[in-house]
Amino acid sequence: MLDHKSTQPFTQAEYLGSGLTSQRVRDRLMSLLYQQGIKNLELLEVMRRVPRHLFVDEALNSHAYDNTALPIGYGQTISQPYVVAKMTEALLQNGKPEKVLEIGTGCGYQTAVLACLAKKVYTVERLAVLSAQAHLTLQRLQIKNVAFQHGDGFAGWPEHAPYDAIIVTAAPEHTPPALLQQLAVGGQMVIPLGKQRQNQTLYQIRRLREDQYQPHTLEAVLFVPLQTGVA
């Protein structure tokens, strides 16, 4: 596990990795994502650079660049790289957003990817321990354009609304009304919807006008449930 008592930046050796966390292995994963339909080259370059192995337990380092979700503790997961890429690419369809709201910080990997592509990222996590760990990891990576909140994702972060883009990394059964209201006109949200352990669908929702939203189905997915409250 990462030494969360240390606030020193990661060393170059830690950042670059070796063996199954080396750049060659990362390049292979990016080639696979491209073959699977991810065509945004800037996004692929960002994901090639962001060291996914620093967001998982050391015991899982050898699987950090497998195209699969991995456990991060507390019943949560780091999303499959393809899903991270698919969701992020959907948010970039209208160009780079100025301001992004992320619901479900988790380990902070998706947050780091977004931070390399947007001017400012606001991220909300209901589990205090995960929020603190993600904050420290991004601090050690010297990523400085992210604001963290320990809070209920269903409420969003209204103080900084509206957002050009909203990404939700856990699945509610229905789109939270507060998130729809915090999306800017012309902005878009990417969100998985559905019941736990049942069919879930990834949607891209565009806000056309104050009172009009346009949903677009992306694909079938499987996410942990979005839960209310904080812990």
C-alpha atoms as a PDB file:
ATOM      1  CA  MET A   1       0.000   0.000   0.000  1.00  0.00           C
ATOM      2  CA  LEU A   2       1.152   3.586  -0.553  1.00  0.00           C
ATOM      3  CA  ASP A   3       2.869   5.183   2.447  1.00  0.00           C
ATOM      4  CA  HIS A   4       0.239   7.786   3.206  1.00  0.00           C
ATOM      5  CA  LYS A   5       2.423   9.361   5.885  1.00  0.00           C
ATOM      6  CA  SER A   6       4.751  10.594   3.188  1.00  0.00           C
ATOM      7  CA  THR A   7       3.928  13.800   1.365  1.00  0.00           C
ATOM      8  CA  GLN A   8       7.079  13.781  -0.738  1.00  0.00           C
ATOM      9  CA  PRO A   9       6.632  13.648  -4.521  1.00  0.00           C
ATOM     10  CA  PHE A  10       6.991  10.221  -6.067  1.00  0.00           C
ATOM     11  CA  THR A  11      10.501   9.502  -7.305  1.00  0.00           C
ATOM     12  CA  GLN A  12      11.132   9.090 -10.995  1.00  0.00           C
ATOM     13  CA  ALA A  13      11.681   5.367 -10.443  1.00  0.00           C
ATOM     14  CA  GLU A  14       8.318   5.054  -8.670  1.00  0.00           C
ATOM     15  CA  TYR A  15       6.597   7.061 -11.402  1.00  0.00           C
ATOM     16  CA  LEU A  16       8.132   5.144 -14.300  1.00  0.00           C
ATOM     17  CA  GLY A  17       7.730   1.679 -12.776  1.00  0.00           C
ATOM     18  CA  SER A  18       9.477  -1.435 -14.038  1.00  0.00           C
ATOM     19  CA  GLY A  19       8.641  -4.897 -15.301  1.00  0.00           C
ATOM     20  CA  LEU A  20       4.841  -5.227 -15.388  1.00  0.00           C
ATOM     21  CA  THR A  21       4.441  -1.515 -14.598  1.00  0.00           C
ATOM     22  CA  SER A  22       6.941  -0.306 -17.220  1.00  0.00           C
ATOM     23  CA  GLN A  23       6.213   2.084 -20.079  1.00  0.00           C
ATOM     24  CA  ARG A  24       6.269  -0.810 -22.532  1.00  0.00           C
ATOM     25  CA  VAL A  25       3.387  -2.479 -20.693  1.00  0.00           C
ATOM     26  CA  ARG A  26       1.471   0.816 -20.564  1.00  0.00           C
ATOM     27  CA  ASP A  27       1.989   1.305 -24.313  1.00  0.00           C
ATOM     28  CA  ARG A  28       0.581  -2.150 -24.942  1.00  0.00           C
ATOM     29  CA  LEU A  29      -2.558  -1.258 -22.970  1.00  0.00           C
ATOM     30  CA  MET A  30      -3.012   1.975 -24.940  1.00  0.00           C
ATOM     31  CA  SER A  31      -2.751   0.017 -28.205  1.00  0.00           C
ATOM     32  CA  LEU A  32      -5.468  -2.306 -26.933  1.00  0.00           C
ATOM     33  CA  LEU A  33      -7.729   0.615 -26.013  1.00  0.00           C
ATOM     34  CA  TYR A  34      -7.253   2.081 -29.481  1.00  0.00           C
ATOM     35  CA  GLN A  35      -8.198  -1.243 -31.028  1.00  0.00           C
ATOM     36  CA  GLN A  36     -11.297  -1.286 -28.825  1.00  0.00           C
ATOM     37  CA  GLY A  37     -12.471   2.006 -30.315  1.00  0.00           C
ATOM     38  CA  ILE A  38     -10.884   4.756 -28.203  1.00  0.00           C
ATOM     39  CA  LYS A  39      -9.693   7.206 -30.855  1.00  0.00           C
ATOM     40  CA  ASN A  40      -8.902  10.395 -28.918  1.00  0.00           C
ATOM     41  CA  LEU A  41      -5.113  10.408 -29.157  1.00  0.00           C
ATOM     42  CA  GLU A  42      -4.600  13.105 -26.532  1.00  0.00           C
ATOM     43  CA  LEU A  43      -6.637  11.064 -24.043  1.00  0.00           C
ATOM     44  CA  LEU A  44      -4.626   7.930 -24.827  1.00  0.00           C
ATOM     45  CA  GLU A  45      -1.401   9.865 -24.298  1.00  0.00           C
ATOM     46  CA  VAL A  46      -2.639  11.124 -20.925  1.00  0.00           C
ATOM     47  CA  MET A  47      -3.588   7.593 -19.868  1.00  0.00           C
ATOM     48  CA  ARG A  48      -0.198   6.357 -21.069  1.00  0.00           C
ATOM     49  CA  ARG A  49       1.487   8.881 -18.751  1.00  0.00           C
ATOM     50  CA  VAL A  50      -0.701   8.638 -15.636  1.00  0.00           C
ATOM     51  CA  PRO A  51       0.864   5.859 -13.507  1.00  0.00           C
ATOM     52  CA  ARG A  52      -2.100   3.590 -12.680  1.00  0.00           C
ATOM     53  CA  HIS A  53       0.138   1.372 -10.538  1.00  0.00           C
ATOM     54  CA  LEU A  54       0.484   4.188  -7.990  1.00  0.00           C
ATOM     55  CA  PHE A  55      -3.277   4.116  -7.366  1.00  0.00           C
ATOM     56  CA  VAL A  56      -3.526   0.449  -6.364  1.00  0.00           C
ATOM     57  CA  ASP A  57      -2.125  -1.708  -3.592  1.00  0.00           C
ATOM     58  CA  GLU A  58       1.450  -2.825  -4.211  1.00  0.00           C
ATOM     59  CA  ALA A  59       0.259  -6.438  -4.199  1.00  0.00           C
ATOM     60  CA  LEU A  60      -1.775  -5.628  -7.339  1.00  0.00           C
ATOM     61  CA  ASN A  61       0.988  -3.781  -9.191  1.00  0.00           C
ATOM     62  CA  SER A  62       1.512  -6.653 -11.612  1.00  0.00           C
ATOM     63  CA  HIS A  63      -2.119  -6.225 -12.740  1.00  0.00           C
ATOM     64  CA  ALA A  64      -2.178  -2.415 -12.812  1.00  0.00           C
ATOM     65  CA  TYR A  65      -2.054  -2.292 -16.610  1.00  0.00           C
ATOM     66  CA  ASP A  66      -4.406  -5.185 -17.248  1.00  0.00           C
ATOM     67  CA  ASN A  67      -7.623  -4.011 -18.873  1.00  0.00           C
ATOM     68  CA  THR A  68      -9.693  -4.880 -15.820  1.00  0.00           C
ATOM     69  CA  ALA A  69     -11.181  -3.313 -12.702  1.00  0.00           C
ATOM     70  CA  LEU A  70      -9.263  -3.883  -9.460  1.00  0.00           C
ATOM     71  CA  PRO A  71     -10.278  -3.663  -5.776  1.00  0.00           C
ATOM     72  CA  ILE A  72      -9.125  -0.623  -3.806  1.00  0.00           C
ATOM     73  CA  GLY A  73     -10.697  -1.604  -0.481  1.00  0.00           C
ATOM     74  CA  TYR A  74     -13.897  -0.558   1.297  1.00  0.00           C
ATOM     75  CA  GLY A  75     -16.002  -2.378  -1.288  1.00  0.00           C
ATOM     76  CA  GLN A  76     -14.827  -0.061  -4.068  1.00  0.00           C
ATOM     77  CA  THR A  77     -12.866  -0.575  -7.291  1.00  0.00           C
ATOM     78  CA  ILE A  78     -10.617   1.275  -9.692  1.00  0.00           C
ATOM     79  CA  SER A  79     -12.475   1.151 -12.999  1.00  0.00           C
ATOM     80  CA  GLN A  80     -11.325  -0.877 -15.987  1.00  0.00           C
ATOM     81  CA  PRO A  81      -9.043   1.301 -18.177  1.00  0.00           C
ATOM     82  CA  TYR A  82     -11.376   0.879 -21.157  1.00  0.00           C
ATOM     83  CA  VAL A  83     -14.299   2.234 -19.109  1.00  0.00           C
ATOM     84  CA  VAL A  84     -12.212   5.188 -17.881  1.00  0.00           C
ATOM     85  CA  ALA A  85     -11.260   5.923 -21.474  1.00  0.00           C
ATOM     86  CA  LYS A  86     -14.804   5.505 -22.799  1.00  0.00           C
ATOM     87  CA  MET A  87     -16.327   7.814 -20.187  1.00  0.00           C
ATOM     88  CA  THR A  88     -13.610  10.439 -20.546  1.00  0.00           C
ATOM     89  CA  GLU A  89     -13.750  10.384 -24.336  1.00  0.00           C
ATOM     90  CA  ALA A  90     -17.501  11.012 -24.172  1.00  0.00           C
ATOM     91  CA  LEU A  91     -16.885  14.074 -21.989  1.00  0.00           C
ATOM     92  CA  LEU A  92     -14.375  15.416 -24.531  1.00  0.00           C
ATOM     93  CA  GLN A  93     -16.702  15.325 -27.540  1.00  0.00           C
ATOM     94  CA  ASN A  94     -17.215  19.095 -27.363  1.00  0.00           C
ATOM     95  CA  GLY A  95     -13.562  19.781 -26.604  1.00  0.00           C
ATOM     96  CA  LYS A  96     -11.789  20.129 -23.279  1.00  0.00           C
ATOM     97  CA  PRO A  97     -14.137  21.237 -20.482  1.00  0.00           C
ATOM     98  CA  GLU A  98     -13.133  24.156 -18.283  1.00  0.00           C
ATOM     99  CA  LYS A  99     -14.787  22.815 -15.153  1.00  0.00           C
ATOM    100  CA  VAL A 100     -15.575  19.175 -14.342  1.00  0.00           C
ATOM    101  CA  LEU A 101     -17.492  17.642 -11.447  1.00  0.00           C
ATOM    102  CA  GLU A 102     -16.558  14.055 -10.584  1.00  0.00           C
ATOM    103  CA  ILE A 103     -18.848  12.036  -8.344  1.00  0.00           C
ATOM    104  CA  GLY A 104     -16.924   9.186  -6.733  1.00  0.00           C
ATOM    105  CA  THR A 105     -13.245  10.043  -6.289  1.00  0.00           C
ATOM    106  CA  GLY A 106     -12.300   6.498  -5.302  1.00  0.00           C
ATOM    107  CA  CYS A 107      -8.541   6.062  -5.491  1.00  0.00           C
ATOM    108  CA  GLY A 108      -8.184   9.194  -7.642  1.00  0.00           C
ATOM    109  CA  TYR A 109      -7.087   7.590 -10.916  1.00  0.00           C
ATOM    110  CA  GLN A 110     -10.004   8.901 -12.992  1.00  0.00           C
ATOM    111  CA  THR A 111      -9.527  12.231 -11.201  1.00  0.00           C
ATOM    112  CA  ALA A 112      -5.888  12.401 -12.327  1.00  0.00           C
ATOM    113  CA  VAL A 113      -6.825  11.643 -15.934  1.00  0.00           C
ATOM    114  CA  LEU A 114      -9.462  14.396 -15.882  1.00  0.00           C
ATOM    115  CA  ALA A 115      -7.030  16.845 -14.284  1.00  0.00           C
ATOM    116  CA  CYS A 116      -4.690  16.459 -17.263  1.00  0.00           C
ATOM    117  CA  LEU A 117      -7.492  17.390 -19.667  1.00  0.00           C
ATOM    118  CA  ALA A 118      -9.598  20.014 -17.861  1.00  0.00           C
ATOM    119  CA  LYS A 119      -8.746  23.362 -16.309  1.00  0.00           C
ATOM    120  CA  LYS A 120     -10.321  22.486 -12.943  1.00  0.00           C
ATOM    121  CA  VAL A 121     -11.747  19.295 -11.430  1.00  0.00           C
ATOM    122  CA  TYR A 122     -14.070  19.188  -8.429  1.00  0.00           C
ATOM    123  CA  THR A 123     -14.347  15.697  -6.997  1.00  0.00           C
ATOM    124  CA  VAL A 124     -16.720  14.361  -4.327  1.00  0.00           C
ATOM    125  CA  GLU A 125     -16.233  11.138  -2.337  1.00  0.00           C
ATOM    126  CA  ARG A 126     -18.503   9.787   0.422  1.00  0.00           C
ATOM    127  CA  LEU A 127     -15.758   7.716   2.113  1.00  0.00           C
ATOM    128  CA  ALA A 128     -13.412   9.989   4.052  1.00  0.00           C
ATOM    129  CA  VAL A 129     -10.509   7.531   3.984  1.00  0.00           C
ATOM    130  CA  LEU A 130     -10.599   7.214   0.179  1.00  0.00           C
ATOM    131  CA  SER A 131     -10.883  10.970  -0.287  1.00  0.00           C
ATOM    132  CA  ALA A 132      -7.841  11.542   1.919  1.00  0.00           C
ATOM    133  CA  GLN A 133      -5.783   8.845   0.199  1.00  0.00           C
ATOM    134  CA  ALA A 134      -6.649  10.140  -3.270  1.00  0.00           C
ATOM    135  CA  HIS A 135      -5.815  13.691  -2.215  1.00  0.00           C
ATOM    136  CA  LEU A 136      -2.396  12.579  -1.010  1.00  0.00           C
ATOM    137  CA  THR A 137      -1.670  10.529  -4.138  1.00  0.00           C
ATOM    138  CA  LEU A 138      -2.468  13.485  -6.419  1.00  0.00           C
ATOM    139  CA  GLN A 139      -0.440  15.761  -4.173  1.00  0.00           C
ATOM    140  CA  ARG A 140       2.553  13.434  -4.522  1.00  0.00           C
ATOM    141  CA  LEU A 141       2.011  13.427  -8.304  1.00  0.00           C
ATOM    142  CA  GLN A 142       2.066  17.251  -8.110  1.00  0.00           C
ATOM    143  CA  ILE A 143      -1.394  17.575  -9.661  1.00  0.00           C
ATOM    144  CA  LYS A 144      -2.709  20.889  -8.364  1.00  0.00           C
ATOM    145  CA  ASN A 145      -5.933  21.680 -10.248  1.00  0.00           C
ATOM    146  CA  VAL A 146      -8.243  19.391  -8.228  1.00  0.00           C
ATOM    147  CA  ALA A 147     -10.523  20.357  -5.337  1.00  0.00           C
ATOM    148  CA  PHE A 148     -11.662  17.561  -3.002  1.00  0.00           C
ATOM    149  CA  GLN A 149     -14.829  17.267  -0.970  1.00  0.00           C
ATOM    150  CA  HIS A 150     -15.889  14.564   1.486  1.00  0.00           C
ATOM    151  CA  GLY A 151     -19.616  14.554   0.782  1.00  0.00           C
ATOM    152  CA  ASP A 152     -22.737  12.887  -0.579  1.00  0.00           C
ATOM    153  CA  GLY A 153     -22.460  12.451  -4.343  1.00  0.00           C
ATOM    154  CA  PHE A 154     -26.221  12.669  -4.796  1.00  0.00           C
ATOM    155  CA  ALA A 155     -25.978  16.331  -3.751  1.00  0.00           C
ATOM    156  CA  GLY A 156     -23.104  17.161  -6.089  1.00  0.00           C
ATOM    157  CA  TRP A 157     -21.137  20.297  -5.226  1.00  0.00           C
ATOM    158  CA  PRO A 158     -23.548  23.192  -5.850  1.00  0.00           C
ATOM    159  CA  GLU A 159     -21.190  25.952  -4.664  1.00  0.00           C
ATOM    160  CA  HIS A 160     -19.132  25.654  -7.857  1.00  0.00           C
ATOM    161  CA  ALA A 161     -21.941  24.913 -10.337  1.00  0.00           C
ATOM    162  CA  PRO A 162     -22.617  25.022 -13.214  1.00  0.00           C
ATOM    163  CA  TYR A 163     -20.168  22.466 -14.612  1.00  0.00           C
ATOM    164  CA  ASP A 164     -19.246  21.980 -18.259  1.00  0.00           C
ATOM    165  CA  ALA A 165     -19.020  18.249 -17.633  1.00  0.00           C
ATOM    166  CA  ILE A 166     -20.075  15.826 -14.908  1.00  0.00           C
ATOM    167  CA  ILE A 167     -18.808  12.259 -14.582  1.00  0.00           C
ATOM    168  CA  VAL A 168     -20.309   9.756 -12.159  1.00  0.00           C
ATOM    169  CA  THR A 169     -18.177   6.712 -11.342  1.00  0.00           C
ATOM    170  CA  ALA A 170     -20.765   4.663  -9.436  1.00  0.00           C
ATOM    171  CA  ALA A 171     -24.257   3.667 -10.505  1.00  0.00           C
ATOM    172  CA  PRO A 172     -27.466   5.135  -9.089  1.00  0.00           C
ATOM    173  CA  GLU A 173     -30.763   3.657 -10.241  1.00  0.00           C
ATOM    174  CA  HIS A 174     -31.881   7.064 -11.531  1.00  0.00           C
ATOM    175  CA  THR A 175     -30.053  10.257 -12.398  1.00  0.00           C
ATOM    176  CA  PRO A 176     -29.809  12.459  -9.271  1.00  0.00           C
ATOM    177  CA  PRO A 177     -31.842  15.655  -9.874  1.00  0.00           C
ATOM    178  CA  ALA A 178     -29.188  17.802  -8.179  1.00  0.00           C
ATOM    179  CA  LEU A 179     -26.601  16.718 -10.739  1.00  0.00           C
ATOM    180  CA  LEU A 180     -28.886  17.551 -13.643  1.00  0.00           C
ATOM    181  CA  GLN A 181     -29.399  21.024 -12.189  1.00  0.00           C
ATOM    182  CA  GLN A 182     -25.654  21.569 -11.739  1.00  0.00           C
ATOM    183  CA  LEU A 183     -24.863  20.730 -15.383  1.00  0.00           C
ATOM    184  CA  ALA A 184     -24.334  23.807 -17.548  1.00  0.00           C
ATOM    185  CA  VAL A 185     -26.503  24.368 -20.595  1.00  0.00           C
ATOM    186  CA  GLY A 186     -24.515  22.864 -23.460  1.00  0.00           C
ATOM    187  CA  GLY A 187     -22.656  20.609 -21.041  1.00  0.00           C
ATOM    188  CA  GLN A 188     -22.755  16.855 -20.763  1.00  0.00           C
ATOM    189  CA  MET A 189     -22.842  14.213 -18.081  1.00  0.00           C
ATOM    190  CA  VAL A 190     -21.604  10.636 -18.323  1.00  0.00           C
ATOM    191  CA  ILE A 191     -23.299   8.335 -15.840  1.00  0.00           C
ATOM    192  CA  PRO A 192     -24.004   4.616 -15.374  1.00  0.00           C
ATOM    193  CA  LEU A 193     -27.597   3.828 -14.366  1.00  0.00           C
ATOM    194  CA  GLY A 194     -29.154   0.633 -13.061  1.00  0.00           C
ATOM    195  CA  LYS A 195     -29.599  -1.634 -10.092  1.00  0.00           C
ATOM    196  CA  GLN A 196     -26.686  -3.352  -8.351  1.00  0.00           C
ATOM    197  CA  ARG A 197     -25.644  -6.690  -9.892  1.00  0.00           C
ATOM    198  CA  GLN A 198     -28.210  -6.222 -12.680  1.00  0.00           C
ATOM    199  CA  ASN A 199     -28.009  -4.755 -16.143  1.00  0.00           C
ATOM    200  CA  GLN A 200     -26.568  -1.256 -16.030  1.00  0.00           C
ATOM    201  CA  THR A 201     -26.229   1.163 -18.918  1.00  0.00           C
ATOM    202  CA  LEU A 202     -23.730   3.966 -19.466  1.00  0.00           C
ATOM    203  CA  TYR A 203     -25.410   7.170 -20.644  1.00  0.00           C
ATOM    204  CA  GLN A 204     -24.220  10.473 -22.024  1.00  0.00           C
ATOM    205  CA  ILE A 205     -26.718  13.195 -21.107  1.00  0.00           C
ATOM    206  CA  ARG A 206     -26.542  16.603 -22.775  1.00  0.00           C
ATOM    207  CA  ARG A 207     -28.303  19.655 -21.388  1.00  0.00           C
ATOM    208  CA  LEU A 208     -29.752  21.365 -24.442  1.00  0.00           C
ATOM    209  CA  ARG A 209     -31.704  24.080 -22.607  1.00  0.00           C
ATOM    210  CA  GLU A 210     -32.613  24.923 -19.026  1.00  0.00           C
ATOM    211  CA  ASP A 211     -35.455  22.406 -19.113  1.00  0.00           C
ATOM    212  CA  GLN A 212     -34.334  19.972 -21.817  1.00  0.00           C
ATOM    213  CA  TYR A 213     -31.909  17.052 -21.561  1.00  0.00           C
ATOM    214  CA  GLN A 214     -30.934  14.608 -24.291  1.00  0.00           C
ATOM    215  CA  PRO A 215     -29.795  11.126 -23.175  1.00  0.00           C
ATOM    216  CA  HIS A 216     -27.682   8.937 -25.427  1.00  0.00           C
ATOM    217  CA  THR A 217     -26.925   5.281 -24.681  1.00  0.00           C
ATOM    218  CA  LEU A 218     -23.238   4.346 -24.806  1.00  0.00           C
ATOM    219  CA  GLU A 219     -22.983   0.706 -23.702  1.00  0.00           C
ATOM    220  CA  ALA A 220     -23.639  -1.903 -21.022  1.00  0.00           C
ATOM    221  CA  VAL A 221     -21.452  -1.591 -17.909  1.00  0.00           C
ATOM    222  CA  LEU A 222     -21.064  -2.888 -14.358  1.00  0.00           C
ATOM    223  CA  PHE A 223     -20.375  -0.424 -11.529  1.00  0.00           C
ATOM    224  CA  VAL A 224     -20.596  -0.445  -7.760  1.00  0.00           C
ATOM    225  CA  PRO A 225     -23.753   1.357  -6.551  1.00  0.00           C
ATOM    226  CA  LEU A 226     -23.794   5.063  -5.827  1.00  0.00           C
ATOM    227  CA  GLN A 227     -24.688   5.322  -2.146  1.00  0.00           C
ATOM    228  CA  THR A 228     -26.182   8.188  -0.167  1.00  0.00           C
ATOM    229  CA  GLY A 229     -24.662   9.781   2.906  1.00  0.00           C
ATOM    230  CA  VAL A 230     -21.050   9.889   4.053  1.00  0.00           C
ATOM    231  CA  ALA A 231     -18.779   7.559   5.987  1.00  0.00           C
END
